[in-house]
Amino acid sequence: MKTFTYKITDEQGIHARPAGMLIKEAKKYQSKIIVSADEKEAEATKLIGIMSMGIKCGTEITVTIEGEDEELAVTNMQSFFKQYL
């Protein structure tokens, strides 16, 4: 299991467009990817779950990745967050 934290820098937080991009990225991996913030968590492949978290700019999230391709997934997910969120 691998984890990393990231502070959301997008002014609008995780809204519909970046949430869709996050889900598309997360579905590339066999590992289970969980996003958690403010005592809420959701699987990164579930749009409703991610959107219902209401993640705003400045929120620190924790991403937990567990599975057979977790090494690749953690590296690529960190890059994804830095580039888009």
C-alpha atoms as a PDB file:
ATOM      1  CA  MET A   1       0.000   0.000   0.000  1.00  0.00           C
ATOM      2  CA  LYS A   2       1.264   3.438  -0.973  1.00  0.00           C
ATOM      3  CA  THR A   3      -0.048   6.842   0.122  1.00  0.00           C
ATOM      4  CA  PHE A   4       0.672  10.454  -0.669  1.00  0.00           C
ATOM      5  CA  THR A   5      -0.845  13.789   0.249  1.00  0.00           C
ATOM      6  CA  TYR A   6      -1.548  16.688  -2.047  1.00  0.00           C
ATOM      7  CA  LYS A   7      -2.937  20.181  -1.491  1.00  0.00           C
ATOM      8  CA  ILE A   8      -5.476  21.123  -4.177  1.00  0.00           C
ATOM      9  CA  THR A   9      -4.348  24.271  -6.008  1.00  0.00           C
ATOM     10  CA  ASP A  10      -7.062  24.538  -8.690  1.00  0.00           C
ATOM     11  CA  GLU A  11      -9.134  27.642  -7.827  1.00  0.00           C
ATOM     12  CA  GLN A  12     -12.382  25.718  -8.342  1.00  0.00           C
ATOM     13  CA  GLY A  13     -11.276  22.605  -6.468  1.00  0.00           C
ATOM     14  CA  ILE A  14     -12.268  19.218  -7.870  1.00  0.00           C
ATOM     15  CA  HIS A  15     -15.288  20.087  -9.998  1.00  0.00           C
ATOM     16  CA  ALA A  16     -16.871  18.054 -12.817  1.00  0.00           C
ATOM     17  CA  ARG A  17     -14.176  18.342 -15.505  1.00  0.00           C
ATOM     18  CA  PRO A  18     -11.126  17.501 -13.362  1.00  0.00           C
ATOM     19  CA  ALA A  19     -13.118  14.819 -11.525  1.00  0.00           C
ATOM     20  CA  GLY A  20     -13.805  13.166 -14.871  1.00  0.00           C
ATOM     21  CA  MET A  21     -10.133  13.390 -15.783  1.00  0.00           C
ATOM     22  CA  LEU A  22      -9.194  11.901 -12.384  1.00  0.00           C
ATOM     23  CA  ILE A  23     -11.529   8.963 -12.923  1.00  0.00           C
ATOM     24  CA  LYS A  24     -10.169   8.337 -16.418  1.00  0.00           C
ATOM     25  CA  GLU A  25      -6.614   8.328 -15.033  1.00  0.00           C
ATOM     26  CA  ALA A  26      -7.502   6.069 -12.067  1.00  0.00           C
ATOM     27  CA  LYS A  27      -9.163   3.501 -14.348  1.00  0.00           C
ATOM     28  CA  LYS A  28      -5.823   2.881 -16.069  1.00  0.00           C
ATOM     29  CA  TYR A  29      -4.611   0.891 -13.063  1.00  0.00           C
ATOM     30  CA  GLN A  30      -5.616  -2.404 -11.512  1.00  0.00           C
ATOM     31  CA  SER A  31      -4.867  -1.055  -8.039  1.00  0.00           C
ATOM     32  CA  LYS A  32      -7.638   0.343  -5.871  1.00  0.00           C
ATOM     33  CA  ILE A  33      -7.223   4.115  -5.498  1.00  0.00           C
ATOM     34  CA  ILE A  34      -8.943   5.909  -2.608  1.00  0.00           C
ATOM     35  CA  VAL A  35      -9.115   9.694  -2.210  1.00  0.00           C
ATOM     36  CA  SER A  36      -9.787  10.982   1.307  1.00  0.00           C
ATOM     37  CA  ALA A  37     -10.202  14.448   2.782  1.00  0.00           C
ATOM     38  CA  ASP A  38     -11.983  15.953   5.790  1.00  0.00           C
ATOM     39  CA  GLU A  39     -13.071  12.540   7.120  1.00  0.00           C
ATOM     40  CA  LYS A  40     -14.677  11.589   3.781  1.00  0.00           C
ATOM     41  CA  GLU A  41     -13.345   9.120   1.263  1.00  0.00           C
ATOM     42  CA  ALA A  42     -14.241   7.827  -2.171  1.00  0.00           C
ATOM     43  CA  GLU A  43     -12.871   5.443  -4.727  1.00  0.00           C
ATOM     44  CA  ALA A  44     -11.108   7.445  -7.442  1.00  0.00           C
ATOM     45  CA  THR A  45     -13.089   5.641 -10.159  1.00  0.00           C
ATOM     46  CA  LYS A  46     -16.506   6.763  -8.832  1.00  0.00           C
ATOM     47  CA  LEU A  47     -17.663  10.170 -10.122  1.00  0.00           C
ATOM     48  CA  ILE A  48     -20.523  10.611  -7.636  1.00  0.00           C
ATOM     49  CA  GLY A  49     -18.240   9.705  -4.734  1.00  0.00           C
ATOM     50  CA  ILE A  50     -15.539  12.181  -5.760  1.00  0.00           C
ATOM     51  CA  MET A  51     -18.026  14.974  -6.483  1.00  0.00           C
ATOM     52  CA  SER A  52     -19.898  14.441  -3.194  1.00  0.00           C
ATOM     53  CA  MET A  53     -16.696  15.081  -1.241  1.00  0.00           C
ATOM     54  CA  GLY A  54     -16.856  18.778  -2.174  1.00  0.00           C
ATOM     55  CA  ILE A  55     -13.078  19.200  -2.372  1.00  0.00           C
ATOM     56  CA  LYS A  56     -12.184  22.894  -2.624  1.00  0.00           C
ATOM     57  CA  CYS A  57      -8.997  24.814  -3.351  1.00  0.00           C
ATOM     58  CA  GLY A  58      -6.586  24.519  -0.428  1.00  0.00           C
ATOM     59  CA  THR A  59      -7.947  21.179   0.788  1.00  0.00           C
ATOM     60  CA  GLU A  60      -5.278  18.621   1.605  1.00  0.00           C
ATOM     61  CA  ILE A  61      -6.199  15.193   0.306  1.00  0.00           C
ATOM     62  CA  THR A  62      -4.664  11.794   0.922  1.00  0.00           C
ATOM     63  CA  VAL A  63      -4.485   9.290  -1.896  1.00  0.00           C
ATOM     64  CA  THR A  64      -4.107   5.621  -0.961  1.00  0.00           C
ATOM     65  CA  ILE A  65      -3.201   3.086  -3.639  1.00  0.00           C
ATOM     66  CA  GLU A  66      -3.164  -0.667  -3.100  1.00  0.00           C
ATOM     67  CA  GLY A  67      -2.694  -3.403  -5.668  1.00  0.00           C
ATOM     68  CA  GLU A  68      -0.298  -5.106  -7.998  1.00  0.00           C
ATOM     69  CA  ASP A  69       0.597  -1.981 -10.004  1.00  0.00           C
ATOM     70  CA  GLU A  70       0.688   0.439  -7.047  1.00  0.00           C
ATOM     71  CA  GLU A  71       4.273   1.595  -7.724  1.00  0.00           C
ATOM     72  CA  LEU A  72       3.402   2.770 -11.233  1.00  0.00           C
ATOM     73  CA  ALA A  73       0.029   4.126 -10.117  1.00  0.00           C
ATOM     74  CA  VAL A  74       1.438   6.251  -7.281  1.00  0.00           C
ATOM     75  CA  THR A  75       4.057   7.829  -9.541  1.00  0.00           C
ATOM     76  CA  ASN A  76       1.563   8.613 -12.287  1.00  0.00           C
ATOM     77  CA  MET A  77      -1.198   9.791  -9.942  1.00  0.00           C
ATOM     78  CA  GLN A  78       1.210  12.214  -8.229  1.00  0.00           C
ATOM     79  CA  SER A  79       2.131  13.626 -11.641  1.00  0.00           C
ATOM     80  CA  PHE A  80      -1.556  13.860 -12.580  1.00  0.00           C
ATOM     81  CA  PHE A  81      -2.439  15.856  -9.452  1.00  0.00           C
ATOM     82  CA  LYS A  82       0.509  18.238  -9.919  1.00  0.00           C
ATOM     83  CA  GLN A  83      -0.408  18.847 -13.543  1.00  0.00           C
ATOM     84  CA  TYR A  84      -4.213  19.215 -13.285  1.00  0.00           C
ATOM     85  CA  LEU A  85      -5.250  19.938  -9.702  1.00  0.00           C
END
